[in-house]
């Protein structure tokens, strides 16, 4: 007998469960993300805007059999911002395979969304994964084109040693002369860590950044405050001009495992006021990249989106890379009006 109810554990237990289950399902398929408790605490357990309602678990005779976590968000859908959730870490213990655990979790999440007026769950689905196959069978699921990445390799030798397949190792070895590694010294005039007093200016920048987006994650002031500063998890740098914040870079680090661990810096937000010169944009980005190296990152990654100009990324030594992911809209209401040719912005979780 499987019972689905609100998750009873903490971020540490959730981290251990998700990492173990994902390891059993996906370790042979390529690099595997390690989800530390501090990440789950930042996004969910320590986030006052993410109540327990959307943290679901399946239990069988008191044993944890599966989890499905989601964060309530504002979703950009065409020209409107609607209530939705951002879901991830959907995990079913292989020991309970065939017992309908995943189906029960999805049905419970769908019910809670309807009760609270949420239009759908937004998620990133790995191409060809068990998760993508599961959601493809669920009514109301819609997927969109693959999500590409921007990539900057700081230590090509480390990435080559770490890569999961022989072909990837050969590719990174061959590309080493073109992968700009060491970050050159940066003039940091006007560049400093984010402070809570910067929130209003940063919100204005993020609202401007999201102007071209027609499908994806968007922000309230309260959610942005959590995104930019929470304990030791996110790192946010701003560019100040004439007493006003005119640019920001927000990133965090986590570990990915293939042939050993590798520290990756993931950029969630990168935005500037229109008055900021191209040189200053690159300067802020490079200052953040230097900080990434100091935090132990061997590579940096960011989702490609209509919010960031390719010219700037290429000029700072970043290269376009296949993401191996696609945007999934799950458990959607039947009356959702989808934008034509959606311009997507999301985070990689």
C-alpha atoms as a PDB file:
ATOM      1  CA  UNK A   1       0.000   0.000   0.000  1.00  0.00           C
ATOM      2  CA  UNK A   2       1.458   3.335  -1.103  1.00  0.00           C
ATOM      3  CA  UNK A   3       0.291   6.576   0.503  1.00  0.00           C
ATOM      4  CA  UNK A   4       1.117  10.006  -0.926  1.00  0.00           C
ATOM      5  CA  UNK A   5       1.223  12.905   1.515  1.00  0.00           C
ATOM      6  CA  UNK A   6       3.271  15.985   2.332  1.00  0.00           C
ATOM      7  CA  UNK A   7       6.963  15.155   2.674  1.00  0.00           C
ATOM      8  CA  UNK A   8       7.975  14.721   6.308  1.00  0.00           C
ATOM      9  CA  UNK A   9      11.772  14.945   6.099  1.00  0.00           C
ATOM     10  CA  UNK A  10      14.361  17.684   5.784  1.00  0.00           C
ATOM     11  CA  UNK A  11      16.775  18.839   3.086  1.00  0.00           C
ATOM     12  CA  UNK A  12      19.471  16.371   4.167  1.00  0.00           C
ATOM     13  CA  UNK A  13      17.192  13.341   3.888  1.00  0.00           C
ATOM     14  CA  UNK A  14      15.827  14.612   0.571  1.00  0.00           C
ATOM     15  CA  UNK A  15      19.357  15.085  -0.790  1.00  0.00           C
ATOM     16  CA  UNK A  16      20.393  11.571   0.166  1.00  0.00           C
ATOM     17  CA  UNK A  17      17.261  10.014  -1.302  1.00  0.00           C
ATOM     18  CA  UNK A  18      17.324  11.923  -4.603  1.00  0.00           C
ATOM     19  CA  UNK A  19      21.060  11.396  -5.155  1.00  0.00           C
ATOM     20  CA  UNK A  20      20.778   7.666  -4.490  1.00  0.00           C
ATOM     21  CA  UNK A  21      17.765   7.192  -6.772  1.00  0.00           C
ATOM     22  CA  UNK A  22      19.154   9.318  -9.595  1.00  0.00           C
ATOM     23  CA  UNK A  23      22.432   7.442  -9.308  1.00  0.00           C
ATOM     24  CA  UNK A  24      20.668   4.118  -9.789  1.00  0.00           C
ATOM     25  CA  UNK A  25      18.674   5.377 -12.784  1.00  0.00           C
ATOM     26  CA  UNK A  26      21.084   7.686 -14.580  1.00  0.00           C
ATOM     27  CA  UNK A  27      24.710   6.995 -13.566  1.00  0.00           C
ATOM     28  CA  UNK A  28      25.363   4.932 -16.690  1.00  0.00           C
ATOM     29  CA  UNK A  29      23.886   7.580 -19.001  1.00  0.00           C
ATOM     30  CA  UNK A  30      26.396  10.367 -18.411  1.00  0.00           C
ATOM     31  CA  UNK A  31      27.340  13.069 -15.906  1.00  0.00           C
ATOM     32  CA  UNK A  32      25.274  12.944 -12.742  1.00  0.00           C
ATOM     33  CA  UNK A  33      24.459  16.052 -10.710  1.00  0.00           C
ATOM     34  CA  UNK A  34      24.998  15.898  -6.972  1.00  0.00           C
ATOM     35  CA  UNK A  35      22.156  17.781  -5.266  1.00  0.00           C
ATOM     36  CA  UNK A  36      23.546  18.963  -1.908  1.00  0.00           C
ATOM     37  CA  UNK A  37      21.284  19.818   1.027  1.00  0.00           C
ATOM     38  CA  UNK A  38      22.280  23.490   0.734  1.00  0.00           C
ATOM     39  CA  UNK A  39      20.770  23.649  -2.787  1.00  0.00           C
ATOM     40  CA  UNK A  40      17.475  22.101  -1.693  1.00  0.00           C
ATOM     41  CA  UNK A  41      17.464  24.359   1.367  1.00  0.00           C
ATOM     42  CA  UNK A  42      17.965  27.468  -0.797  1.00  0.00           C
ATOM     43  CA  UNK A  43      15.246  26.652  -3.321  1.00  0.00           C
ATOM     44  CA  UNK A  44      12.724  24.797  -1.155  1.00  0.00           C
ATOM     45  CA  UNK A  45      13.232  24.049   2.516  1.00  0.00           C
ATOM     46  CA  UNK A  46      14.576  27.451   3.541  1.00  0.00           C
ATOM     47  CA  UNK A  47      12.432  29.375   1.081  1.00  0.00           C
ATOM     48  CA  UNK A  48       9.443  30.917   2.882  1.00  0.00           C
ATOM     49  CA  UNK A  49       7.761  31.370  -0.513  1.00  0.00           C
ATOM     50  CA  UNK A  50       7.818  27.592  -1.128  1.00  0.00           C
ATOM     51  CA  UNK A  51       5.400  26.087   1.398  1.00  0.00           C
ATOM     52  CA  UNK A  52       5.276  22.383   2.168  1.00  0.00           C
ATOM     53  CA  UNK A  53       2.100  21.958   0.053  1.00  0.00           C
ATOM     54  CA  UNK A  54       4.142  21.230  -3.052  1.00  0.00           C
ATOM     55  CA  UNK A  55       6.661  18.919  -1.391  1.00  0.00           C
ATOM     56  CA  UNK A  56       5.114  15.495  -1.890  1.00  0.00           C
ATOM     57  CA  UNK A  57       6.313  12.050  -0.872  1.00  0.00           C
ATOM     58  CA  UNK A  58       5.107   8.496  -1.298  1.00  0.00           C
ATOM     59  CA  UNK A  59       5.443   6.175   1.691  1.00  0.00           C
ATOM     60  CA  UNK A  60       5.025   2.419   1.882  1.00  0.00           C
ATOM     61  CA  UNK A  61       4.902   0.907   5.374  1.00  0.00           C
ATOM     62  CA  UNK A  62       6.701   3.952   6.683  1.00  0.00           C
ATOM     63  CA  UNK A  63       9.493   3.775   4.099  1.00  0.00           C
ATOM     64  CA  UNK A  64      10.122   6.606   1.646  1.00  0.00           C
ATOM     65  CA  UNK A  65       9.310   5.318  -1.843  1.00  0.00           C
ATOM     66  CA  UNK A  66       9.333   8.490  -3.927  1.00  0.00           C
ATOM     67  CA  UNK A  67       9.317  12.291  -3.909  1.00  0.00           C
ATOM     68  CA  UNK A  68       8.087  15.077  -6.153  1.00  0.00           C
ATOM     69  CA  UNK A  69       9.083  18.597  -5.147  1.00  0.00           C
ATOM     70  CA  UNK A  70       7.884  21.840  -6.706  1.00  0.00           C
ATOM     71  CA  UNK A  71       8.227  25.539  -5.978  1.00  0.00           C
ATOM     72  CA  UNK A  72       5.306  27.913  -6.567  1.00  0.00           C
ATOM     73  CA  UNK A  73       6.311  30.518  -9.146  1.00  0.00           C
ATOM     74  CA  UNK A  74       5.003  33.198 -11.427  1.00  0.00           C
ATOM     75  CA  UNK A  75       5.143  31.843 -14.979  1.00  0.00           C
ATOM     76  CA  UNK A  76       5.424  34.027 -18.062  1.00  0.00           C
ATOM     77  CA  UNK A  77       2.839  32.635 -20.474  1.00  0.00           C
ATOM     78  CA  UNK A  78       2.504  34.750 -23.562  1.00  0.00           C
ATOM     79  CA  UNK A  79       1.856  38.307 -22.383  1.00  0.00           C
ATOM     80  CA  UNK A  80       0.613  37.249 -18.928  1.00  0.00           C
ATOM     81  CA  UNK A  81       2.203  36.123 -15.665  1.00  0.00           C
ATOM     82  CA  UNK A  82       0.211  33.261 -14.137  1.00  0.00           C
ATOM     83  CA  UNK A  83       0.498  31.073 -11.043  1.00  0.00           C
ATOM     84  CA  UNK A  84       2.400  27.855 -11.679  1.00  0.00           C
ATOM     85  CA  UNK A  85       5.059  25.629 -10.135  1.00  0.00           C
ATOM     86  CA  UNK A  86       8.652  24.761 -11.014  1.00  0.00           C
ATOM     87  CA  UNK A  87       9.145  21.040 -10.422  1.00  0.00           C
ATOM     88  CA  UNK A  88      12.245  18.896 -10.156  1.00  0.00           C
ATOM     89  CA  UNK A  89      13.861  16.049  -8.253  1.00  0.00           C
ATOM     90  CA  UNK A  90      11.045  13.647  -9.220  1.00  0.00           C
ATOM     91  CA  UNK A  91      12.391  10.363  -7.849  1.00  0.00           C
ATOM     92  CA  UNK A  92      10.978   6.861  -7.332  1.00  0.00           C
ATOM     93  CA  UNK A  93      13.016   4.235  -5.517  1.00  0.00           C
ATOM     94  CA  UNK A  94      13.659   1.361  -7.982  1.00  0.00           C
ATOM     95  CA  UNK A  95      12.629  -1.056  -5.215  1.00  0.00           C
ATOM     96  CA  UNK A  96       9.057   0.226  -5.661  1.00  0.00           C
ATOM     97  CA  UNK A  97       9.006   0.119  -9.456  1.00  0.00           C
ATOM     98  CA  UNK A  98       5.726  -1.201 -10.888  1.00  0.00           C
ATOM     99  CA  UNK A  99       3.645  -0.086  -7.909  1.00  0.00           C
ATOM    100  CA  UNK A 100       2.332   3.090  -9.530  1.00  0.00           C
ATOM    101  CA  UNK A 101       4.331   5.378  -7.233  1.00  0.00           C
ATOM    102  CA  UNK A 102       5.144   7.915  -9.943  1.00  0.00           C
ATOM    103  CA  UNK A 103       1.548   7.994 -11.138  1.00  0.00           C
ATOM    104  CA  UNK A 104       0.263   8.598  -7.607  1.00  0.00           C
ATOM    105  CA  UNK A 105       2.754  11.424  -7.031  1.00  0.00           C
ATOM    106  CA  UNK A 106       1.807  13.098 -10.325  1.00  0.00           C
ATOM    107  CA  UNK A 107      -1.921  12.814  -9.581  1.00  0.00           C
ATOM    108  CA  UNK A 108      -1.450  14.266  -6.094  1.00  0.00           C
ATOM    109  CA  UNK A 109       0.586  17.182  -7.452  1.00  0.00           C
ATOM    110  CA  UNK A 110      -2.018  17.834 -10.140  1.00  0.00           C
ATOM    111  CA  UNK A 111      -4.775  17.913  -7.498  1.00  0.00           C
ATOM    112  CA  UNK A 112      -2.864  20.343  -5.298  1.00  0.00           C
ATOM    113  CA  UNK A 113      -2.213  22.601  -8.280  1.00  0.00           C
ATOM    114  CA  UNK A 114      -5.908  22.692  -9.202  1.00  0.00           C
ATOM    115  CA  UNK A 115      -6.875  23.470  -5.617  1.00  0.00           C
ATOM    116  CA  UNK A 116      -4.421  26.390  -5.545  1.00  0.00           C
ATOM    117  CA  UNK A 117      -5.054  27.710  -9.047  1.00  0.00           C
ATOM    118  CA  UNK A 118      -1.675  26.794 -10.577  1.00  0.00           C
ATOM    119  CA  UNK A 119      -1.743  26.478 -14.370  1.00  0.00           C
ATOM    120  CA  UNK A 120       1.031  23.884 -14.794  1.00  0.00           C
ATOM    121  CA  UNK A 121       4.404  22.606 -13.643  1.00  0.00           C
ATOM    122  CA  UNK A 122       7.488  23.806 -15.493  1.00  0.00           C
ATOM    123  CA  UNK A 123      10.430  21.380 -15.600  1.00  0.00           C
ATOM    124  CA  UNK A 124      13.670  20.574 -17.393  1.00  0.00           C
ATOM    125  CA  UNK A 125      13.644  17.045 -18.826  1.00  0.00           C
ATOM    126  CA  UNK A 126      16.813  15.214 -19.842  1.00  0.00           C
ATOM    127  CA  UNK A 127      16.569  13.926 -23.408  1.00  0.00           C
ATOM    128  CA  UNK A 128      15.935  10.179 -23.485  1.00  0.00           C
ATOM    129  CA  UNK A 129      15.761   9.847 -19.704  1.00  0.00           C
ATOM    130  CA  UNK A 130      13.364   7.714 -17.680  1.00  0.00           C
ATOM    131  CA  UNK A 131      11.815  10.955 -16.451  1.00  0.00           C
ATOM    132  CA  UNK A 132      11.111  12.196 -19.974  1.00  0.00           C
ATOM    133  CA  UNK A 133       9.556   8.835 -20.928  1.00  0.00           C
ATOM    134  CA  UNK A 134       7.352   8.890 -17.838  1.00  0.00           C
ATOM    135  CA  UNK A 135       6.043  12.396 -18.444  1.00  0.00           C
ATOM    136  CA  UNK A 136       5.460  11.734 -22.145  1.00  0.00           C
ATOM    137  CA  UNK A 137       2.750   9.266 -21.074  1.00  0.00           C
ATOM    138  CA  UNK A 138       1.010  11.717 -18.762  1.00  0.00           C
ATOM    139  CA  UNK A 139      -1.997  13.699 -20.027  1.00  0.00           C
ATOM    140  CA  UNK A 140      -1.365  17.405 -20.341  1.00  0.00           C
ATOM    141  CA  UNK A 141       2.389  17.145 -20.901  1.00  0.00           C
ATOM    142  CA  UNK A 142       3.876  19.376 -23.570  1.00  0.00           C
ATOM    143  CA  UNK A 143       7.559  19.571 -24.434  1.00  0.00           C
ATOM    144  CA  UNK A 144       9.435  22.161 -26.449  1.00  0.00           C
ATOM    145  CA  UNK A 145      12.693  22.313 -28.380  1.00  0.00           C
ATOM    146  CA  UNK A 146      15.968  21.351 -26.743  1.00  0.00           C
ATOM    147  CA  UNK A 147      17.513  23.861 -24.371  1.00  0.00           C
ATOM    148  CA  UNK A 148      20.997  24.883 -25.423  1.00  0.00           C
ATOM    149  CA  UNK A 149      23.771  26.025 -23.113  1.00  0.00           C
ATOM    150  CA  UNK A 150      26.568  28.552 -23.019  1.00  0.00           C
ATOM    151  CA  UNK A 151      29.753  26.920 -21.772  1.00  0.00           C
ATOM    152  CA  UNK A 152      33.088  28.289 -20.594  1.00  0.00           C
ATOM    153  CA  UNK A 153      35.837  25.830 -19.684  1.00  0.00           C
ATOM    154  CA  UNK A 154      38.355  27.096 -17.136  1.00  0.00           C
ATOM    155  CA  UNK A 155      40.357  23.865 -16.884  1.00  0.00           C
ATOM    156  CA  UNK A 156      40.167  21.864 -20.124  1.00  0.00           C
ATOM    157  CA  UNK A 157      42.522  19.178 -18.833  1.00  0.00           C
ATOM    158  CA  UNK A 158      40.324  18.550 -15.781  1.00  0.00           C
ATOM    159  CA  UNK A 159      37.164  18.458 -17.907  1.00  0.00           C
ATOM    160  CA  UNK A 160      38.795  16.047 -20.347  1.00  0.00           C
ATOM    161  CA  UNK A 161      39.825  13.701 -17.521  1.00  0.00           C
ATOM    162  CA  UNK A 162      36.356  13.946 -15.987  1.00  0.00           C
ATOM    163  CA  UNK A 163      34.242  13.400 -19.134  1.00  0.00           C
ATOM    164  CA  UNK A 164      32.139  10.239 -19.068  1.00  0.00           C
ATOM    165  CA  UNK A 165      32.838   8.855 -22.561  1.00  0.00           C
ATOM    166  CA  UNK A 166      35.951   8.362 -24.635  1.00  0.00           C
ATOM    167  CA  UNK A 167      34.461  10.521 -27.403  1.00  0.00           C
ATOM    168  CA  UNK A 168      33.884  13.429 -24.985  1.00  0.00           C
ATOM    169  CA  UNK A 169      37.393  13.125 -23.597  1.00  0.00           C
ATOM    170  CA  UNK A 170      38.811  13.206 -27.099  1.00  0.00           C
ATOM    171  CA  UNK A 171      36.642  16.201 -28.008  1.00  0.00           C
ATOM    172  CA  UNK A 172      37.674  18.282 -25.005  1.00  0.00           C
ATOM    173  CA  UNK A 173      41.318  17.347 -25.573  1.00  0.00           C
ATOM    174  CA  UNK A 174      41.096  18.461 -29.204  1.00  0.00           C
ATOM    175  CA  UNK A 175      39.360  21.712 -28.252  1.00  0.00           C
ATOM    176  CA  UNK A 176      41.863  22.692 -25.560  1.00  0.00           C
ATOM    177  CA  UNK A 177      43.708  25.228 -27.784  1.00  0.00           C
ATOM    178  CA  UNK A 178      40.399  27.065 -28.424  1.00  0.00           C
ATOM    179  CA  UNK A 179      38.927  26.854 -24.933  1.00  0.00           C
ATOM    180  CA  UNK A 180      39.985  29.969 -23.081  1.00  0.00           C
ATOM    181  CA  UNK A 181      40.913  28.796 -19.645  1.00  0.00           C
ATOM    182  CA  UNK A 182      42.541  31.274 -17.320  1.00  0.00           C
ATOM    183  CA  UNK A 183      40.582  34.468 -16.752  1.00  0.00           C
ATOM    184  CA  UNK A 184      42.721  37.519 -17.416  1.00  0.00           C
ATOM    185  CA  UNK A 185      43.048  40.199 -14.711  1.00  0.00           C
ATOM    186  CA  UNK A 186      39.901  42.320 -14.551  1.00  0.00           C
ATOM    187  CA  UNK A 187      39.404  45.978 -13.705  1.00  0.00           C
ATOM    188  CA  UNK A 188      36.850  45.727 -10.877  1.00  0.00           C
ATOM    189  CA  UNK A 189      36.014  49.419 -10.546  1.00  0.00           C
ATOM    190  CA  UNK A 190      32.324  49.662  -9.596  1.00  0.00           C
ATOM    191  CA  UNK A 191      31.976  45.867  -9.273  1.00  0.00           C
ATOM    192  CA  UNK A 192      31.070  44.508  -5.851  1.00  0.00           C
ATOM    193  CA  UNK A 193      29.006  41.811  -4.100  1.00  0.00           C
ATOM    194  CA  UNK A 194      25.250  42.275  -3.995  1.00  0.00           C
ATOM    195  CA  UNK A 195      23.707  43.908  -0.907  1.00  0.00           C
ATOM    196  CA  UNK A 196      20.035  43.737   0.190  1.00  0.00           C
ATOM    197  CA  UNK A 197      19.694  47.457  -0.479  1.00  0.00           C
ATOM    198  CA  UNK A 198      20.268  46.706  -4.194  1.00  0.00           C
ATOM    199  CA  UNK A 199      17.062  44.667  -4.481  1.00  0.00           C
ATOM    200  CA  UNK A 200      14.811  47.295  -6.086  1.00  0.00           C
ATOM    201  CA  UNK A 201      17.394  48.150  -8.751  1.00  0.00           C
ATOM    202  CA  UNK A 202      18.043  44.456  -9.449  1.00  0.00           C
ATOM    203  CA  UNK A 203      14.318  43.811  -9.785  1.00  0.00           C
ATOM    204  CA  UNK A 204      14.110  46.526 -12.410  1.00  0.00           C
ATOM    205  CA  UNK A 205      17.002  44.936 -14.309  1.00  0.00           C
ATOM    206  CA  UNK A 206      15.417  41.470 -14.195  1.00  0.00           C
ATOM    207  CA  UNK A 207      12.066  42.819 -15.381  1.00  0.00           C
ATOM    208  CA  UNK A 208      13.835  44.383 -18.352  1.00  0.00           C
ATOM    209  CA  UNK A 209      15.718  41.156 -19.029  1.00  0.00           C
ATOM    210  CA  UNK A 210      12.457  39.181 -19.193  1.00  0.00           C
ATOM    211  CA  UNK A 211      10.805  41.480 -21.749  1.00  0.00           C
ATOM    212  CA  UNK A 212      11.388  39.162 -24.749  1.00  0.00           C
ATOM    213  CA  UNK A 213      10.326  35.996 -22.865  1.00  0.00           C
ATOM    214  CA  UNK A 214       6.963  34.400 -23.715  1.00  0.00           C
ATOM    215  CA  UNK A 215       7.329  31.137 -21.768  1.00  0.00           C
ATOM    216  CA  UNK A 216       9.310  30.628 -18.618  1.00  0.00           C
ATOM    217  CA  UNK A 217      10.288  31.410 -15.065  1.00  0.00           C
ATOM    218  CA  UNK A 218       9.726  34.942 -13.869  1.00  0.00           C
ATOM    219  CA  UNK A 219      10.247  36.754 -10.574  1.00  0.00           C
ATOM    220  CA  UNK A 220       8.507  38.638  -7.825  1.00  0.00           C
ATOM    221  CA  UNK A 221      10.531  40.984  -5.621  1.00  0.00           C
ATOM    222  CA  UNK A 222      10.365  38.504  -2.738  1.00  0.00           C
ATOM    223  CA  UNK A 223      11.537  35.573  -4.853  1.00  0.00           C
ATOM    224  CA  UNK A 224      14.379  37.609  -6.336  1.00  0.00           C
ATOM    225  CA  UNK A 225      15.597  38.469  -2.843  1.00  0.00           C
ATOM    226  CA  UNK A 226      15.876  34.732  -2.095  1.00  0.00           C
ATOM    227  CA  UNK A 227      17.584  34.110  -5.434  1.00  0.00           C
ATOM    228  CA  UNK A 228      20.277  36.733  -4.985  1.00  0.00           C
ATOM    229  CA  UNK A 229      21.258  36.177  -1.353  1.00  0.00           C
ATOM    230  CA  UNK A 230      20.788  33.119   0.847  1.00  0.00           C
ATOM    231  CA  UNK A 231      23.451  31.885   3.252  1.00  0.00           C
ATOM    232  CA  UNK A 232      26.469  30.583   1.296  1.00  0.00           C
ATOM    233  CA  UNK A 233      24.569  29.251  -1.733  1.00  0.00           C
ATOM    234  CA  UNK A 234      24.151  31.903  -4.465  1.00  0.00           C
ATOM    235  CA  UNK A 235      26.875  34.390  -5.344  1.00  0.00           C
ATOM    236  CA  UNK A 236      25.755  37.677  -6.868  1.00  0.00           C
ATOM    237  CA  UNK A 237      27.944  40.462  -8.255  1.00  0.00           C
ATOM    238  CA  UNK A 238      26.674  43.855  -9.343  1.00  0.00           C
ATOM    239  CA  UNK A 239      28.006  46.719 -11.446  1.00  0.00           C
ATOM    240  CA  UNK A 240      27.405  50.142  -9.902  1.00  0.00           C
ATOM    241  CA  UNK A 241      27.511  53.360 -11.898  1.00  0.00           C
ATOM    242  CA  UNK A 242      26.892  56.834 -10.404  1.00  0.00           C
ATOM    243  CA  UNK A 243      25.405  55.307  -7.272  1.00  0.00           C
ATOM    244  CA  UNK A 244      22.976  53.020  -9.160  1.00  0.00           C
ATOM    245  CA  UNK A 245      23.185  49.267  -9.851  1.00  0.00           C
ATOM    246  CA  UNK A 246      23.328  48.809 -13.619  1.00  0.00           C
ATOM    247  CA  UNK A 247      24.177  45.126 -13.998  1.00  0.00           C
ATOM    248  CA  UNK A 248      24.169  41.815 -12.142  1.00  0.00           C
ATOM    249  CA  UNK A 249      25.477  38.266 -12.408  1.00  0.00           C
ATOM    250  CA  UNK A 250      23.974  35.574 -10.187  1.00  0.00           C
ATOM    251  CA  UNK A 251      25.426  32.057 -10.026  1.00  0.00           C
ATOM    252  CA  UNK A 252      26.008  29.096  -7.750  1.00  0.00           C
ATOM    253  CA  UNK A 253      28.267  26.058  -7.780  1.00  0.00           C
ATOM    254  CA  UNK A 254      27.529  22.373  -7.521  1.00  0.00           C
ATOM    255  CA  UNK A 255      29.284  19.119  -8.223  1.00  0.00           C
ATOM    256  CA  UNK A 256      28.779  16.795 -11.174  1.00  0.00           C
ATOM    257  CA  UNK A 257      30.119  13.259 -11.210  1.00  0.00           C
ATOM    258  CA  UNK A 258      31.328  11.242 -14.176  1.00  0.00           C
ATOM    259  CA  UNK A 259      34.862   9.823 -13.944  1.00  0.00           C
ATOM    260  CA  UNK A 260      35.182  11.595 -10.632  1.00  0.00           C
ATOM    261  CA  UNK A 261      33.753  14.902  -9.358  1.00  0.00           C
ATOM    262  CA  UNK A 262      33.854  18.238 -11.165  1.00  0.00           C
ATOM    263  CA  UNK A 263      32.760  21.610  -9.776  1.00  0.00           C
ATOM    264  CA  UNK A 264      30.453  23.515 -12.135  1.00  0.00           C
ATOM    265  CA  UNK A 265      29.349  27.150 -11.854  1.00  0.00           C
ATOM    266  CA  UNK A 266      25.759  27.604 -13.040  1.00  0.00           C
ATOM    267  CA  UNK A 267      24.678  31.138 -14.001  1.00  0.00           C
ATOM    268  CA  UNK A 268      20.991  31.788 -13.373  1.00  0.00           C
ATOM    269  CA  UNK A 269      20.782  35.532 -14.032  1.00  0.00           C
ATOM    270  CA  UNK A 270      22.854  37.871 -16.183  1.00  0.00           C
ATOM    271  CA  UNK A 271      21.376  41.263 -17.007  1.00  0.00           C
ATOM    272  CA  UNK A 272      22.320  44.914 -17.602  1.00  0.00           C
ATOM    273  CA  UNK A 273      20.735  48.312 -17.951  1.00  0.00           C
ATOM    274  CA  UNK A 274      20.606  49.396 -21.582  1.00  0.00           C
ATOM    275  CA  UNK A 275      23.047  52.231 -20.844  1.00  0.00           C
ATOM    276  CA  UNK A 276      25.898  49.856 -19.914  1.00  0.00           C
ATOM    277  CA  UNK A 277      28.632  49.657 -22.545  1.00  0.00           C
ATOM    278  CA  UNK A 278      29.713  46.411 -24.152  1.00  0.00           C
ATOM    279  CA  UNK A 279      33.100  46.720 -22.441  1.00  0.00           C
ATOM    280  CA  UNK A 280      31.514  47.069 -18.994  1.00  0.00           C
ATOM    281  CA  UNK A 281      29.190  44.123 -19.622  1.00  0.00           C
ATOM    282  CA  UNK A 282      32.126  41.881 -20.414  1.00  0.00           C
ATOM    283  CA  UNK A 283      34.019  43.286 -17.452  1.00  0.00           C
ATOM    284  CA  UNK A 284      31.286  42.326 -14.971  1.00  0.00           C
ATOM    285  CA  UNK A 285      30.914  38.875 -16.501  1.00  0.00           C
ATOM    286  CA  UNK A 286      34.659  38.297 -16.384  1.00  0.00           C
ATOM    287  CA  UNK A 287      34.830  39.469 -12.771  1.00  0.00           C
ATOM    288  CA  UNK A 288      32.181  36.870 -11.916  1.00  0.00           C
ATOM    289  CA  UNK A 289      34.122  34.244 -13.897  1.00  0.00           C
ATOM    290  CA  UNK A 290      37.243  35.021 -11.901  1.00  0.00           C
ATOM    291  CA  UNK A 291      35.205  34.496  -8.739  1.00  0.00           C
ATOM    292  CA  UNK A 292      33.978  31.153 -10.129  1.00  0.00           C
ATOM    293  CA  UNK A 293      37.547  29.963 -10.519  1.00  0.00           C
ATOM    294  CA  UNK A 294      38.311  31.057  -6.965  1.00  0.00           C
ATOM    295  CA  UNK A 295      35.320  28.973  -5.846  1.00  0.00           C
ATOM    296  CA  UNK A 296      36.903  25.913  -7.466  1.00  0.00           C
ATOM    297  CA  UNK A 297      34.881  25.739 -10.690  1.00  0.00           C
ATOM    298  CA  UNK A 298      36.475  23.954 -13.646  1.00  0.00           C
ATOM    299  CA  UNK A 299      33.671  24.938 -16.021  1.00  0.00           C
ATOM    300  CA  UNK A 300      30.785  27.416 -16.134  1.00  0.00           C
ATOM    301  CA  UNK A 301      27.414  26.946 -17.776  1.00  0.00           C
ATOM    302  CA  UNK A 302      24.315  29.025 -18.494  1.00  0.00           C
ATOM    303  CA  UNK A 303      21.065  28.313 -20.301  1.00  0.00           C
ATOM    304  CA  UNK A 304      20.815  30.002 -23.693  1.00  0.00           C
ATOM    305  CA  UNK A 305      17.836  32.338 -23.864  1.00  0.00           C
ATOM    306  CA  UNK A 306      16.607  35.472 -25.656  1.00  0.00           C
ATOM    307  CA  UNK A 307      17.692  37.467 -22.600  1.00  0.00           C
ATOM    308  CA  UNK A 308      21.437  37.454 -23.295  1.00  0.00           C
ATOM    309  CA  UNK A 309      23.201  38.612 -26.469  1.00  0.00           C
ATOM    310  CA  UNK A 310      25.321  35.885 -28.104  1.00  0.00           C
ATOM    311  CA  UNK A 311      27.907  38.489 -29.161  1.00  0.00           C
ATOM    312  CA  UNK A 312      28.747  39.302 -25.552  1.00  0.00           C
ATOM    313  CA  UNK A 313      29.032  35.633 -24.549  1.00  0.00           C
ATOM    314  CA  UNK A 314      31.255  34.786 -27.502  1.00  0.00           C
ATOM    315  CA  UNK A 315      33.392  37.837 -26.803  1.00  0.00           C
ATOM    316  CA  UNK A 316      33.932  36.652 -23.215  1.00  0.00           C
ATOM    317  CA  UNK A 317      35.087  33.222 -24.396  1.00  0.00           C
ATOM    318  CA  UNK A 318      31.858  31.262 -23.942  1.00  0.00           C
ATOM    319  CA  UNK A 319      30.789  28.746 -26.592  1.00  0.00           C
ATOM    320  CA  UNK A 320      27.334  27.370 -27.495  1.00  0.00           C
ATOM    321  CA  UNK A 321      26.837  23.774 -26.411  1.00  0.00           C
ATOM    322  CA  UNK A 322      24.020  21.211 -26.706  1.00  0.00           C
ATOM    323  CA  UNK A 323      22.142  21.056 -23.444  1.00  0.00           C
ATOM    324  CA  UNK A 324      20.693  17.565 -23.656  1.00  0.00           C
ATOM    325  CA  UNK A 325      17.562  18.972 -22.006  1.00  0.00           C
ATOM    326  CA  UNK A 326      14.172  20.203 -23.103  1.00  0.00           C
ATOM    327  CA  UNK A 327      11.528  22.338 -21.468  1.00  0.00           C
ATOM    328  CA  UNK A 328       8.560  20.365 -20.193  1.00  0.00           C
ATOM    329  CA  UNK A 329       5.179  21.797 -19.215  1.00  0.00           C
ATOM    330  CA  UNK A 330       3.584  19.129 -17.034  1.00  0.00           C
ATOM    331  CA  UNK A 331       0.164  18.637 -15.480  1.00  0.00           C
ATOM    332  CA  UNK A 332      -1.178  21.603 -17.415  1.00  0.00           C
ATOM    333  CA  UNK A 333      -4.741  22.875 -17.204  1.00  0.00           C
ATOM    334  CA  UNK A 334      -6.828  22.173 -20.324  1.00  0.00           C
ATOM    335  CA  UNK A 335      -7.480  25.883 -20.884  1.00  0.00           C
ATOM    336  CA  UNK A 336      -3.798  26.917 -21.136  1.00  0.00           C
ATOM    337  CA  UNK A 337      -3.210  29.127 -24.176  1.00  0.00           C
ATOM    338  CA  UNK A 338       0.287  28.396 -25.448  1.00  0.00           C
ATOM    339  CA  UNK A 339       2.356  31.163 -27.069  1.00  0.00           C
ATOM    340  CA  UNK A 340       3.337  30.708 -30.681  1.00  0.00           C
ATOM    341  CA  UNK A 341       7.064  30.132 -31.201  1.00  0.00           C
ATOM    342  CA  UNK A 342       7.780  30.474 -27.474  1.00  0.00           C
ATOM    343  CA  UNK A 343      10.852  32.396 -26.379  1.00  0.00           C
ATOM    344  CA  UNK A 344      11.988  30.430 -23.346  1.00  0.00           C
ATOM    345  CA  UNK A 345      13.742  31.390 -20.144  1.00  0.00           C
ATOM    346  CA  UNK A 346      14.283  28.899 -17.353  1.00  0.00           C
ATOM    347  CA  UNK A 347      16.801  27.685 -14.831  1.00  0.00           C
ATOM    348  CA  UNK A 348      18.602  24.370 -14.942  1.00  0.00           C
ATOM    349  CA  UNK A 349      17.640  22.403 -11.859  1.00  0.00           C
END
